[in-house]
Amino acid sequence: MPRAPRAASTSTTTRTSTRASTSTRTGATSTRGAADVLLLHGDERFLIDEKARAIIASWTTDLVSDFGLETMEGVGLTPARLQDAVLQSPFLDPYRVVFVRTVPVNRAEGLAPALAQIPPTTRLLITTAGRLGTTNKLAKAISSAGGKVEEMPRLVRRALTDWASRRAVEKHGLTPAIAAQVVRVTPPDLSVIDAELTKLAAYKASGPDAKLTPEVITELLAGGREDEIFKLNDHLLPHPTTHAFEIARNLTRSGVGPTLIAYRMARHVALVLQVKARQERGESLQQVQSDLPEHSFVVQKAFDAARQVDGDSLERALRQIRDYEFEVKSGQVDADLGLDVLLTRL
């Protein structure tokens, strides 16, 4: 006699019902798209920060409370703290947004265990202060969770010129020819190039007589004051010398924005921190120079600086620069005076 089909077990039915109930309450679906979990990494920090801002802006449009977004700094973040944020259920919002920014490359793999489970009600964005290898555990954890890992590589030569041209036309209303002139006389740093394009666009909009002739553009362009910024970074670690204060003040007097100076300082400290991690793994100067995209002389200077300072001090310096930028942008401190105070604290 044929057997009757077996009924589903009570426990299985209960579990299914519980999941369905939870999904109904939160409005979540059982599937997750790569657009909900992202890891942005690479050497082009400007592009990483810009894309992160755009993603967070789009994710937060549907939030109805201040509880829906949690922003955490990657420096000093523990796996337990990250896991708690990721697993937390939304309160009044349809989902939670967790933004982890600027994770040091040498700390990235330690956060991987925190992402063993990512609820459908959590949207997660992580950015790092550098490039991760293909075998990095954090990148693998993001991929295993159904997320997307995107690298922002350093733009050089034709790619840099094309980016500047698009930026000039689409954002600043300038011509590709102006962009090409900016690229010729400006260091290959996207933040500096964009700052120069912004300055030229502001001049153009200042009045009907403000014509951007090649001569005017040459006069307006600051050229990033690359030599002075390099000297400033050379006197920055392990603690800023009196020369650092003098160079920073001369830069601001010549028209370079204090927050741009702080950004360049942060990039230098982040590079030294990255090199420090490689030193601690026993890598030689030649190994580090071959792996990093920066000029070999720049890497050598960072290698020498890394021998004079510990990793904790470098991470603390990054936090202080981050706090300064936030205080300036929020109107809490004067940018010029705040830069002096920042140098005193480093």
C-alpha atoms as a PDB file:
ATOM      1  CA  MET A   1       0.000   0.000   0.000  1.00  0.00           C
ATOM      2  CA  PRO A   2       1.550   3.397  -0.988  1.00  0.00           C
ATOM      3  CA  ARG A   3       2.699   5.662   1.831  1.00  0.00           C
ATOM      4  CA  ALA A   4       0.942   8.963   2.376  1.00  0.00           C
ATOM      5  CA  PRO A   5       3.146  12.040   1.905  1.00  0.00           C
ATOM      6  CA  ARG A   6       4.876  13.099   5.134  1.00  0.00           C
ATOM      7  CA  ALA A   7       3.595  16.265   6.693  1.00  0.00           C
ATOM      8  CA  ALA A   8       6.015  19.050   7.372  1.00  0.00           C
ATOM      9  CA  SER A   9       7.431  18.923  10.855  1.00  0.00           C
ATOM     10  CA  THR A  10       6.071  21.277  13.467  1.00  0.00           C
ATOM     11  CA  SER A  11       9.498  22.796  14.093  1.00  0.00           C
ATOM     12  CA  THR A  12      10.068  23.488  10.385  1.00  0.00           C
ATOM     13  CA  THR A  13       6.638  25.063  10.052  1.00  0.00           C
ATOM     14  CA  THR A  14       7.258  27.176  13.122  1.00  0.00           C
ATOM     15  CA  ARG A  15      10.623  28.419  11.871  1.00  0.00           C
ATOM     16  CA  THR A  16       9.180  29.295   8.466  1.00  0.00           C
ATOM     17  CA  SER A  17       6.274  31.097  10.067  1.00  0.00           C
ATOM     18  CA  THR A  18       8.616  33.026  12.340  1.00  0.00           C
ATOM     19  CA  ARG A  19      10.772  34.184   9.435  1.00  0.00           C
ATOM     20  CA  ALA A  20       7.731  35.222   7.432  1.00  0.00           C
ATOM     21  CA  SER A  21       6.383  37.132  10.403  1.00  0.00           C
ATOM     22  CA  THR A  22       9.677  38.939  10.896  1.00  0.00           C
ATOM     23  CA  SER A  23       9.852  39.816   7.220  1.00  0.00           C
ATOM     24  CA  THR A  24       6.302  41.167   7.327  1.00  0.00           C
ATOM     25  CA  ARG A  25       7.046  43.346  10.359  1.00  0.00           C
ATOM     26  CA  THR A  26      10.216  44.871   8.927  1.00  0.00           C
ATOM     27  CA  GLY A  27       9.181  45.011   5.296  1.00  0.00           C
ATOM     28  CA  ALA A  28      12.360  43.093   4.356  1.00  0.00           C
ATOM     29  CA  THR A  29      12.677  40.505   1.644  1.00  0.00           C
ATOM     30  CA  SER A  30      14.538  37.240   1.851  1.00  0.00           C
ATOM     31  CA  THR A  31      16.961  38.224  -0.899  1.00  0.00           C
ATOM     32  CA  ARG A  32      19.771  40.718  -0.720  1.00  0.00           C
ATOM     33  CA  GLY A  33      21.256  42.650  -3.590  1.00  0.00           C
ATOM     34  CA  ALA A  34      24.897  43.637  -3.988  1.00  0.00           C
ATOM     35  CA  ALA A  35      23.799  47.266  -3.797  1.00  0.00           C
ATOM     36  CA  ASP A  36      22.906  46.781  -0.112  1.00  0.00           C
ATOM     37  CA  VAL A  37      26.389  45.734   1.062  1.00  0.00           C
ATOM     38  CA  LEU A  38      29.423  47.489  -0.398  1.00  0.00           C
ATOM     39  CA  LEU A  39      33.144  47.698   0.256  1.00  0.00           C
ATOM     40  CA  LEU A  40      34.990  50.581  -1.407  1.00  0.00           C
ATOM     41  CA  HIS A  41      38.780  50.371  -1.337  1.00  0.00           C
ATOM     42  CA  GLY A  42      41.767  51.525  -3.337  1.00  0.00           C
ATOM     43  CA  ASP A  43      44.375  54.243  -3.618  1.00  0.00           C
ATOM     44  CA  GLU A  44      42.103  56.986  -4.982  1.00  0.00           C
ATOM     45  CA  ARG A  45      40.715  58.325  -1.722  1.00  0.00           C
ATOM     46  CA  PHE A  46      38.934  61.254  -3.368  1.00  0.00           C
ATOM     47  CA  LEU A  47      36.757  58.946  -5.499  1.00  0.00           C
ATOM     48  CA  ILE A  48      36.079  56.633  -2.559  1.00  0.00           C
ATOM     49  CA  ASP A  49      34.881  59.486  -0.354  1.00  0.00           C
ATOM     50  CA  GLU A  50      32.770  61.018  -3.110  1.00  0.00           C
ATOM     51  CA  LYS A  51      31.039  57.757  -3.992  1.00  0.00           C
ATOM     52  CA  ALA A  52      30.481  56.968  -0.314  1.00  0.00           C
ATOM     53  CA  ARG A  53      28.730  60.321   0.183  1.00  0.00           C
ATOM     54  CA  ALA A  54      26.476  59.652  -2.802  1.00  0.00           C
ATOM     55  CA  ILE A  55      25.575  56.154  -1.588  1.00  0.00           C
ATOM     56  CA  ILE A  56      24.772  57.291   1.937  1.00  0.00           C
ATOM     57  CA  ALA A  57      22.671  60.160   0.570  1.00  0.00           C
ATOM     58  CA  SER A  58      20.615  57.748  -1.545  1.00  0.00           C
ATOM     59  CA  TRP A  59      20.232  55.205   1.261  1.00  0.00           C
ATOM     60  CA  THR A  60      19.057  57.735   3.813  1.00  0.00           C
ATOM     61  CA  THR A  61      16.267  59.272   1.725  1.00  0.00           C
ATOM     62  CA  ASP A  62      13.737  56.731   3.038  1.00  0.00           C
ATOM     63  CA  LEU A  63      14.789  56.962   6.677  1.00  0.00           C
ATOM     64  CA  VAL A  64      12.352  58.671   9.001  1.00  0.00           C
ATOM     65  CA  SER A  65      14.417  58.946  12.189  1.00  0.00           C
ATOM     66  CA  ASP A  66      17.921  59.711  13.416  1.00  0.00           C
ATOM     67  CA  PHE A  67      18.266  56.091  14.551  1.00  0.00           C
ATOM     68  CA  GLY A  68      18.383  54.734  11.016  1.00  0.00           C
ATOM     69  CA  LEU A  69      21.961  55.807  10.227  1.00  0.00           C
ATOM     70  CA  GLU A  70      24.978  54.764  12.277  1.00  0.00           C
ATOM     71  CA  THR A  71      28.368  56.096  11.212  1.00  0.00           C
ATOM     72  CA  MET A  72      31.505  54.587  12.705  1.00  0.00           C
ATOM     73  CA  GLU A  73      35.166  55.425  12.206  1.00  0.00           C
ATOM     74  CA  GLY A  74      37.302  52.517  11.057  1.00  0.00           C
ATOM     75  CA  VAL A  75      40.231  53.579  13.228  1.00  0.00           C
ATOM     76  CA  GLY A  76      39.906  51.731  16.534  1.00  0.00           C
ATOM     77  CA  LEU A  77      36.722  49.879  15.534  1.00  0.00           C
ATOM     78  CA  THR A  78      36.427  46.409  17.099  1.00  0.00           C
ATOM     79  CA  PRO A  79      34.734  43.385  15.468  1.00  0.00           C
ATOM     80  CA  ALA A  80      32.277  43.142  18.375  1.00  0.00           C
ATOM     81  CA  ARG A  81      31.216  46.775  17.953  1.00  0.00           C
ATOM     82  CA  LEU A  82      30.727  46.337  14.208  1.00  0.00           C
ATOM     83  CA  GLN A  83      28.795  43.092  14.646  1.00  0.00           C
ATOM     84  CA  ASP A  84      26.479  44.733  17.173  1.00  0.00           C
ATOM     85  CA  ALA A  85      25.725  47.567  14.730  1.00  0.00           C
ATOM     86  CA  VAL A  86      25.143  45.211  11.799  1.00  0.00           C
ATOM     87  CA  LEU A  87      22.810  42.863  13.685  1.00  0.00           C
ATOM     88  CA  GLN A  88      20.751  45.587  15.334  1.00  0.00           C
ATOM     89  CA  SER A  89      17.148  45.731  14.104  1.00  0.00           C
ATOM     90  CA  PRO A  90      15.617  48.951  12.761  1.00  0.00           C
ATOM     91  CA  PHE A  91      13.508  50.896  15.234  1.00  0.00           C
ATOM     92  CA  LEU A  92      11.240  53.268  13.302  1.00  0.00           C
ATOM     93  CA  ASP A  93      12.823  52.970   9.864  1.00  0.00           C
ATOM     94  CA  PRO A  94      12.308  50.369   7.120  1.00  0.00           C
ATOM     95  CA  TYR A  95      16.001  49.453   7.375  1.00  0.00           C
ATOM     96  CA  ARG A  96      19.239  50.487   9.087  1.00  0.00           C
ATOM     97  CA  VAL A  97      22.228  52.075   7.360  1.00  0.00           C
ATOM     98  CA  VAL A  98      25.648  51.281   8.819  1.00  0.00           C
ATOM     99  CA  PHE A  99      28.551  53.321   7.426  1.00  0.00           C
ATOM    100  CA  VAL A 100      32.090  52.350   8.446  1.00  0.00           C
ATOM    101  CA  ARG A 101      34.602  54.814   7.009  1.00  0.00           C
ATOM    102  CA  THR A 102      38.336  54.763   6.487  1.00  0.00           C
ATOM    103  CA  VAL A 103      39.268  51.373   7.914  1.00  0.00           C
ATOM    104  CA  PRO A 104      43.093  51.108   8.076  1.00  0.00           C
ATOM    105  CA  VAL A 105      44.287  48.456   5.654  1.00  0.00           C
ATOM    106  CA  ASN A 106      46.205  46.631   8.371  1.00  0.00           C
ATOM    107  CA  ARG A 107      43.030  46.367  10.502  1.00  0.00           C
ATOM    108  CA  ALA A 108      40.621  45.321   7.738  1.00  0.00           C
ATOM    109  CA  GLU A 109      40.941  41.540   8.035  1.00  0.00           C
ATOM    110  CA  GLY A 110      40.228  41.661  11.764  1.00  0.00           C
ATOM    111  CA  LEU A 111      36.710  42.952  11.048  1.00  0.00           C
ATOM    112  CA  ALA A 112      35.777  40.040   8.768  1.00  0.00           C
ATOM    113  CA  PRO A 113      34.252  37.826  11.519  1.00  0.00           C
ATOM    114  CA  ALA A 114      31.753  40.577  12.323  1.00  0.00           C
ATOM    115  CA  LEU A 115      30.117  40.072   8.916  1.00  0.00           C
ATOM    116  CA  ALA A 116      29.303  36.388   9.239  1.00  0.00           C
ATOM    117  CA  GLN A 117      25.638  37.378   9.269  1.00  0.00           C
ATOM    118  CA  ILE A 118      24.116  40.520   7.766  1.00  0.00           C
ATOM    119  CA  PRO A 119      20.324  40.836   8.179  1.00  0.00           C
ATOM    120  CA  PRO A 120      18.240  41.905   5.168  1.00  0.00           C
ATOM    121  CA  THR A 121      17.265  44.994   7.171  1.00  0.00           C
ATOM    122  CA  THR A 122      20.853  46.306   7.283  1.00  0.00           C
ATOM    123  CA  ARG A 123      22.524  48.249   4.501  1.00  0.00           C
ATOM    124  CA  LEU A 124      26.276  48.277   5.022  1.00  0.00           C
ATOM    125  CA  LEU A 125      28.962  50.457   3.455  1.00  0.00           C
ATOM    126  CA  ILE A 126      32.643  50.131   4.380  1.00  0.00           C
ATOM    127  CA  THR A 127      35.504  52.233   3.020  1.00  0.00           C
ATOM    128  CA  THR A 128      39.201  51.625   3.614  1.00  0.00           C
ATOM    129  CA  ALA A 129      42.280  53.841   3.692  1.00  0.00           C
ATOM    130  CA  GLY A 130      44.050  51.983   0.908  1.00  0.00           C
ATOM    131  CA  ARG A 131      43.906  49.009  -1.404  1.00  0.00           C
ATOM    132  CA  LEU A 132      43.011  45.491  -0.232  1.00  0.00           C
ATOM    133  CA  GLY A 133      44.423  42.377  -1.849  1.00  0.00           C
ATOM    134  CA  THR A 134      42.225  39.839  -3.603  1.00  0.00           C
ATOM    135  CA  THR A 135      42.698  37.377  -0.741  1.00  0.00           C
ATOM    136  CA  ASN A 136      41.793  39.861   1.987  1.00  0.00           C
ATOM    137  CA  LYS A 137      39.378  38.325   4.493  1.00  0.00           C
ATOM    138  CA  LEU A 138      37.192  41.429   4.735  1.00  0.00           C
ATOM    139  CA  ALA A 139      36.707  41.519   0.966  1.00  0.00           C
ATOM    140  CA  LYS A 140      35.869  37.813   0.996  1.00  0.00           C
ATOM    141  CA  ALA A 141      33.373  38.315   3.823  1.00  0.00           C
ATOM    142  CA  ILE A 142      31.595  41.034   1.838  1.00  0.00           C
ATOM    143  CA  SER A 143      31.438  38.815  -1.242  1.00  0.00           C
ATOM    144  CA  SER A 144      30.187  35.846   0.794  1.00  0.00           C
ATOM    145  CA  ALA A 145      27.384  38.047   2.143  1.00  0.00           C
ATOM    146  CA  GLY A 146      26.242  38.733  -1.414  1.00  0.00           C
ATOM    147  CA  GLY A 147      27.779  42.206  -1.413  1.00  0.00           C
ATOM    148  CA  LYS A 148      29.989  44.056  -3.861  1.00  0.00           C
ATOM    149  CA  VAL A 149      33.683  44.892  -3.549  1.00  0.00           C
ATOM    150  CA  GLU A 150      34.770  47.850  -5.673  1.00  0.00           C
ATOM    151  CA  GLU A 151      38.298  49.148  -6.085  1.00  0.00           C
ATOM    152  CA  MET A 152      39.097  52.783  -6.884  1.00  0.00           C
ATOM    153  CA  PRO A 153      42.572  52.563  -8.449  1.00  0.00           C
ATOM    154  CA  ARG A 154      44.895  55.533  -8.739  1.00  0.00           C
ATOM    155  CA  LEU A 155      44.174  57.528 -11.912  1.00  0.00           C
ATOM    156  CA  VAL A 156      47.259  58.190 -14.014  1.00  0.00           C
ATOM    157  CA  ARG A 157      48.047  59.619 -17.438  1.00  0.00           C
ATOM    158  CA  ARG A 158      45.080  59.313 -19.846  1.00  0.00           C
ATOM    159  CA  ALA A 159      42.629  58.184 -17.150  1.00  0.00           C
ATOM    160  CA  LEU A 160      43.492  61.246 -15.053  1.00  0.00           C
ATOM    161  CA  THR A 161      43.091  63.595 -18.007  1.00  0.00           C
ATOM    162  CA  ASP A 162      39.739  62.048 -18.973  1.00  0.00           C
ATOM    163  CA  TRP A 163      38.459  62.345 -15.399  1.00  0.00           C
ATOM    164  CA  ALA A 164      39.496  65.996 -15.170  1.00  0.00           C
ATOM    165  CA  SER A 165      37.824  66.748 -18.488  1.00  0.00           C
ATOM    166  CA  ARG A 166      34.529  65.164 -17.422  1.00  0.00           C
ATOM    167  CA  ARG A 167      34.723  66.881 -14.047  1.00  0.00           C
ATOM    168  CA  ALA A 168      35.318  70.274 -15.636  1.00  0.00           C
ATOM    169  CA  VAL A 169      32.394  69.946 -18.050  1.00  0.00           C
ATOM    170  CA  GLU A 170      29.804  68.128 -15.937  1.00  0.00           C
ATOM    171  CA  LYS A 171      30.315  69.735 -12.528  1.00  0.00           C
ATOM    172  CA  HIS A 172      32.009  73.081 -13.080  1.00  0.00           C
ATOM    173  CA  GLY A 173      30.767  74.202 -16.500  1.00  0.00           C
ATOM    174  CA  LEU A 174      34.290  74.562 -17.865  1.00  0.00           C
ATOM    175  CA  THR A 175      35.848  73.282 -21.069  1.00  0.00           C
ATOM    176  CA  PRO A 176      38.099  70.243 -21.637  1.00  0.00           C
ATOM    177  CA  ALA A 177      40.846  72.639 -22.739  1.00  0.00           C
ATOM    178  CA  ILE A 178      40.788  74.358 -19.327  1.00  0.00           C
ATOM    179  CA  ALA A 179      40.875  70.952 -17.639  1.00  0.00           C
ATOM    180  CA  ALA A 180      43.929  69.979 -19.695  1.00  0.00           C
ATOM    181  CA  GLN A 181      45.725  73.155 -18.631  1.00  0.00           C
ATOM    182  CA  VAL A 182      44.937  72.438 -14.980  1.00  0.00           C
ATOM    183  CA  VAL A 183      46.271  68.897 -15.260  1.00  0.00           C
ATOM    184  CA  ARG A 184      49.507  70.117 -16.858  1.00  0.00           C
ATOM    185  CA  VAL A 185      50.448  72.400 -13.942  1.00  0.00           C
ATOM    186  CA  THR A 186      48.777  70.647 -11.003  1.00  0.00           C
ATOM    187  CA  PRO A 187      50.001  67.614  -9.036  1.00  0.00           C
ATOM    188  CA  PRO A 188      48.173  64.369  -9.980  1.00  0.00           C
ATOM    189  CA  ASP A 189      45.914  64.593  -6.949  1.00  0.00           C
ATOM    190  CA  LEU A 190      42.164  64.569  -7.632  1.00  0.00           C
ATOM    191  CA  SER A 191      41.341  66.714  -4.613  1.00  0.00           C
ATOM    192  CA  VAL A 192      43.810  69.388  -5.746  1.00  0.00           C
ATOM    193  CA  ILE A 193      42.598  69.262  -9.354  1.00  0.00           C
ATOM    194  CA  ASP A 194      38.971  69.573  -8.258  1.00  0.00           C
ATOM    195  CA  ALA A 195      39.863  72.457  -5.928  1.00  0.00           C
ATOM    196  CA  GLU A 196      41.558  74.284  -8.814  1.00  0.00           C
ATOM    197  CA  LEU A 197      38.578  73.670 -11.125  1.00  0.00           C
ATOM    198  CA  THR A 198      36.259  74.974  -8.406  1.00  0.00           C
ATOM    199  CA  LYS A 199      38.385  78.126  -8.093  1.00  0.00           C
ATOM    200  CA  LEU A 200      38.327  78.725 -11.857  1.00  0.00           C
ATOM    201  CA  ALA A 201      34.558  78.186 -12.014  1.00  0.00           C
ATOM    202  CA  ALA A 202      34.053  80.677  -9.176  1.00  0.00           C
ATOM    203  CA  TYR A 203      36.182  83.257 -10.977  1.00  0.00           C
ATOM    204  CA  LYS A 204      34.229  82.730 -14.201  1.00  0.00           C
ATOM    205  CA  ALA A 205      30.934  83.245 -12.343  1.00  0.00           C
ATOM    206  CA  SER A 206      32.169  86.393 -10.561  1.00  0.00           C
ATOM    207  CA  GLY A 207      31.127  88.769 -13.363  1.00  0.00           C
ATOM    208  CA  PRO A 208      30.796  89.407 -17.087  1.00  0.00           C
ATOM    209  CA  ASP A 209      34.361  90.701 -17.317  1.00  0.00           C
ATOM    210  CA  ALA A 210      35.878  87.592 -15.724  1.00  0.00           C
ATOM    211  CA  LYS A 211      37.307  85.852 -18.779  1.00  0.00           C
ATOM    212  CA  LEU A 212      39.299  82.654 -18.349  1.00  0.00           C
ATOM    213  CA  THR A 213      42.114  83.336 -20.768  1.00  0.00           C
ATOM    214  CA  PRO A 214      45.207  81.089 -20.671  1.00  0.00           C
ATOM    215  CA  GLU A 215      47.107  83.913 -18.956  1.00  0.00           C
ATOM    216  CA  VAL A 216      44.441  84.355 -16.280  1.00  0.00           C
ATOM    217  CA  ILE A 217      44.282  80.616 -15.665  1.00  0.00           C
ATOM    218  CA  THR A 218      48.056  80.442 -15.230  1.00  0.00           C
ATOM    219  CA  GLU A 219      47.890  83.298 -12.732  1.00  0.00           C
ATOM    220  CA  LEU A 220      44.995  81.735 -10.769  1.00  0.00           C
ATOM    221  CA  LEU A 221      46.325  78.206 -10.525  1.00  0.00           C
ATOM    222  CA  ALA A 222      48.151  77.507  -7.288  1.00  0.00           C
ATOM    223  CA  GLY A 223      49.785  74.389  -8.620  1.00  0.00           C
ATOM    224  CA  GLY A 224      49.065  72.656  -5.322  1.00  0.00           C
ATOM    225  CA  ARG A 225      52.289  74.096  -3.815  1.00  0.00           C
ATOM    226  CA  GLU A 226      53.565  70.544  -4.033  1.00  0.00           C
ATOM    227  CA  ASP A 227      57.096  71.343  -2.900  1.00  0.00           C
ATOM    228  CA  GLU A 228      55.873  73.115   0.227  1.00  0.00           C
ATOM    229  CA  ILE A 229      53.405  70.356   1.071  1.00  0.00           C
ATOM    230  CA  PHE A 230      56.171  67.775   0.673  1.00  0.00           C
ATOM    231  CA  LYS A 231      58.374  69.805   3.043  1.00  0.00           C
ATOM    232  CA  LEU A 232      55.494  70.058   5.522  1.00  0.00           C
ATOM    233  CA  ASN A 233      55.032  66.289   5.561  1.00  0.00           C
ATOM    234  CA  ASP A 234      58.782  65.866   5.917  1.00  0.00           C
ATOM    235  CA  HIS A 235      58.600  67.826   9.211  1.00  0.00           C
ATOM    236  CA  LEU A 236      55.359  66.257  10.449  1.00  0.00           C
ATOM    237  CA  LEU A 237      56.450  63.024  12.185  1.00  0.00           C
ATOM    238  CA  PRO A 238      56.947  61.856  14.852  1.00  0.00           C
ATOM    239  CA  HIS A 239      55.789  65.346  15.957  1.00  0.00           C
ATOM    240  CA  PRO A 240      55.511  68.591  13.951  1.00  0.00           C
ATOM    241  CA  THR A 241      58.609  70.755  14.149  1.00  0.00           C
ATOM    242  CA  THR A 242      58.677  74.551  14.148  1.00  0.00           C
ATOM    243  CA  HIS A 243      59.321  74.341  10.395  1.00  0.00           C
ATOM    244  CA  ALA A 244      55.985  72.519   9.982  1.00  0.00           C
ATOM    245  CA  PHE A 245      54.118  75.426  11.583  1.00  0.00           C
ATOM    246  CA  GLU A 246      55.950  77.956   9.425  1.00  0.00           C
ATOM    247  CA  ILE A 247      55.334  76.027   6.188  1.00  0.00           C
ATOM    248  CA  ALA A 248      51.648  75.506   6.985  1.00  0.00           C
ATOM    249  CA  ARG A 249      51.140  79.235   7.642  1.00  0.00           C
ATOM    250  CA  ASN A 250      52.933  80.168   4.407  1.00  0.00           C
ATOM    251  CA  LEU A 251      50.699  77.763   2.495  1.00  0.00           C
ATOM    252  CA  THR A 252      47.515  79.300   3.883  1.00  0.00           C
ATOM    253  CA  ARG A 253      48.776  82.822   3.178  1.00  0.00           C
ATOM    254  CA  SER A 254      49.461  81.828  -0.442  1.00  0.00           C
ATOM    255  CA  GLY A 255      45.845  80.716  -0.889  1.00  0.00           C
ATOM    256  CA  VAL A 256      45.954  76.987  -0.196  1.00  0.00           C
ATOM    257  CA  GLY A 257      42.915  75.991   1.873  1.00  0.00           C
ATOM    258  CA  PRO A 258      43.646  74.804   5.434  1.00  0.00           C
ATOM    259  CA  THR A 259      41.389  71.761   5.038  1.00  0.00           C
ATOM    260  CA  LEU A 260      43.243  70.819   1.844  1.00  0.00           C
ATOM    261  CA  ILE A 261      46.515  71.007   3.794  1.00  0.00           C
ATOM    262  CA  ALA A 262      44.980  68.792   6.492  1.00  0.00           C
ATOM    263  CA  TYR A 263      43.840  66.336   3.828  1.00  0.00           C
ATOM    264  CA  ARG A 264      47.361  66.086   2.406  1.00  0.00           C
ATOM    265  CA  MET A 265      48.720  65.582   5.912  1.00  0.00           C
ATOM    266  CA  ALA A 266      46.186  62.788   6.474  1.00  0.00           C
ATOM    267  CA  ARG A 267      47.244  61.086   3.248  1.00  0.00           C
ATOM    268  CA  HIS A 268      50.864  61.186   4.359  1.00  0.00           C
ATOM    269  CA  VAL A 269      50.061  59.793   7.824  1.00  0.00           C
ATOM    270  CA  ALA A 270      47.896  57.053   6.261  1.00  0.00           C
ATOM    271  CA  LEU A 271      50.775  56.109   3.944  1.00  0.00           C
ATOM    272  CA  VAL A 272      53.220  55.937   6.853  1.00  0.00           C
ATOM    273  CA  LEU A 273      50.712  53.784   8.767  1.00  0.00           C
ATOM    274  CA  GLN A 274      50.420  51.451   5.784  1.00  0.00           C
ATOM    275  CA  VAL A 275      54.206  51.224   5.487  1.00  0.00           C
ATOM    276  CA  LYS A 276      54.502  50.667   9.258  1.00  0.00           C
ATOM    277  CA  ALA A 277      52.254  47.611   9.012  1.00  0.00           C
ATOM    278  CA  ARG A 278      54.471  46.195   6.274  1.00  0.00           C
ATOM    279  CA  GLN A 279      57.591  46.881   8.329  1.00  0.00           C
ATOM    280  CA  GLU A 280      56.106  44.947  11.222  1.00  0.00           C
ATOM    281  CA  ARG A 281      55.531  42.014   8.869  1.00  0.00           C
ATOM    282  CA  GLY A 282      59.235  42.068   8.043  1.00  0.00           C
ATOM    283  CA  GLU A 283      58.996  43.490   4.511  1.00  0.00           C
ATOM    284  CA  SER A 284      62.022  45.300   3.134  1.00  0.00           C
ATOM    285  CA  LEU A 285      62.035  48.771   1.611  1.00  0.00           C
ATOM    286  CA  GLN A 286      62.360  47.258  -1.875  1.00  0.00           C
ATOM    287  CA  GLN A 287      59.295  45.042  -1.319  1.00  0.00           C
ATOM    288  CA  VAL A 288      57.196  47.960  -0.125  1.00  0.00           C
ATOM    289  CA  GLN A 289      58.318  50.171  -3.017  1.00  0.00           C
ATOM    290  CA  SER A 290      57.404  47.505  -5.564  1.00  0.00           C
ATOM    291  CA  ASP A 291      53.902  47.015  -4.119  1.00  0.00           C
ATOM    292  CA  LEU A 292      52.801  50.620  -3.531  1.00  0.00           C
ATOM    293  CA  PRO A 293      51.818  52.972  -6.390  1.00  0.00           C
ATOM    294  CA  GLU A 294      53.514  56.029  -4.881  1.00  0.00           C
ATOM    295  CA  HIS A 295      56.890  57.212  -6.199  1.00  0.00           C
ATOM    296  CA  SER A 296      59.760  55.169  -4.770  1.00  0.00           C
ATOM    297  CA  PHE A 297      61.291  58.256  -3.119  1.00  0.00           C
ATOM    298  CA  VAL A 298      57.985  59.077  -1.393  1.00  0.00           C
ATOM    299  CA  VAL A 299      57.762  55.496  -0.120  1.00  0.00           C
ATOM    300  CA  GLN A 300      61.358  55.678   1.115  1.00  0.00           C
ATOM    301  CA  LYS A 301      60.556  58.838   3.114  1.00  0.00           C
ATOM    302  CA  ALA A 302      57.475  57.121   4.575  1.00  0.00           C
ATOM    303  CA  PHE A 303      59.577  54.046   5.372  1.00  0.00           C
ATOM    304  CA  ASP A 304      62.080  56.185   7.280  1.00  0.00           C
ATOM    305  CA  ALA A 305      59.303  58.030   9.115  1.00  0.00           C
ATOM    306  CA  ALA A 306      57.602  54.759  10.084  1.00  0.00           C
ATOM    307  CA  ARG A 307      60.691  53.702  12.011  1.00  0.00           C
ATOM    308  CA  GLN A 308      60.347  56.722  14.304  1.00  0.00           C
ATOM    309  CA  VAL A 309      56.678  56.379  15.304  1.00  0.00           C
ATOM    310  CA  ASP A 310      54.362  53.633  16.529  1.00  0.00           C
ATOM    311  CA  GLY A 311      51.090  52.594  14.916  1.00  0.00           C
ATOM    312  CA  ASP A 312      48.908  53.848  17.771  1.00  0.00           C
ATOM    313  CA  SER A 313      50.342  57.360  17.433  1.00  0.00           C
ATOM    314  CA  LEU A 314      49.651  57.341  13.696  1.00  0.00           C
ATOM    315  CA  GLU A 315      46.047  56.228  14.219  1.00  0.00           C
ATOM    316  CA  ARG A 316      45.609  58.918  16.854  1.00  0.00           C
ATOM    317  CA  ALA A 317      46.934  61.526  14.408  1.00  0.00           C
ATOM    318  CA  LEU A 318      44.407  60.409  11.780  1.00  0.00           C
ATOM    319  CA  ARG A 319      41.581  60.764  14.297  1.00  0.00           C
ATOM    320  CA  GLN A 320      42.746  64.276  15.240  1.00  0.00           C
ATOM    321  CA  ILE A 321      42.864  65.357  11.588  1.00  0.00           C
ATOM    322  CA  ARG A 322      39.393  63.865  11.061  1.00  0.00           C
ATOM    323  CA  ASP A 323      38.062  65.769  14.081  1.00  0.00           C
ATOM    324  CA  TYR A 324      39.583  69.018  12.793  1.00  0.00           C
ATOM    325  CA  GLU A 325      37.910  68.620   9.384  1.00  0.00           C
ATOM    326  CA  PHE A 326      34.556  67.914  11.042  1.00  0.00           C
ATOM    327  CA  GLU A 327      34.859  70.929  13.359  1.00  0.00           C
ATOM    328  CA  VAL A 328      35.701  73.229  10.443  1.00  0.00           C
ATOM    329  CA  LYS A 329      32.900  71.950   8.197  1.00  0.00           C
ATOM    330  CA  SER A 330      30.379  72.187  11.044  1.00  0.00           C
ATOM    331  CA  GLY A 331      31.421  75.769  11.801  1.00  0.00           C
ATOM    332  CA  GLN A 332      32.814  75.037  15.267  1.00  0.00           C
ATOM    333  CA  VAL A 333      36.332  76.366  14.646  1.00  0.00           C
ATOM    334  CA  ASP A 334      38.093  78.787  12.316  1.00  0.00           C
ATOM    335  CA  ALA A 335      39.963  76.832   9.636  1.00  0.00           C
ATOM    336  CA  ASP A 336      43.239  78.773   9.874  1.00  0.00           C
ATOM    337  CA  LEU A 337      43.414  78.900  13.667  1.00  0.00           C
ATOM    338  CA  GLY A 338      42.225  75.298  13.886  1.00  0.00           C
ATOM    339  CA  LEU A 339      45.120  74.158  11.684  1.00  0.00           C
ATOM    340  CA  ASP A 340      47.603  75.664  14.137  1.00  0.00           C
ATOM    341  CA  VAL A 341      45.858  73.907  17.015  1.00  0.00           C
ATOM    342  CA  LEU A 342      45.857  70.642  15.060  1.00  0.00           C
ATOM    343  CA  LEU A 343      49.616  70.814  14.529  1.00  0.00           C
ATOM    344  CA  THR A 344      50.055  71.440  18.239  1.00  0.00           C
ATOM    345  CA  ARG A 345      48.090  68.292  19.068  1.00  0.00           C
ATOM    346  CA  LEU A 346      49.851  65.969  16.634  1.00  0.00           C
END
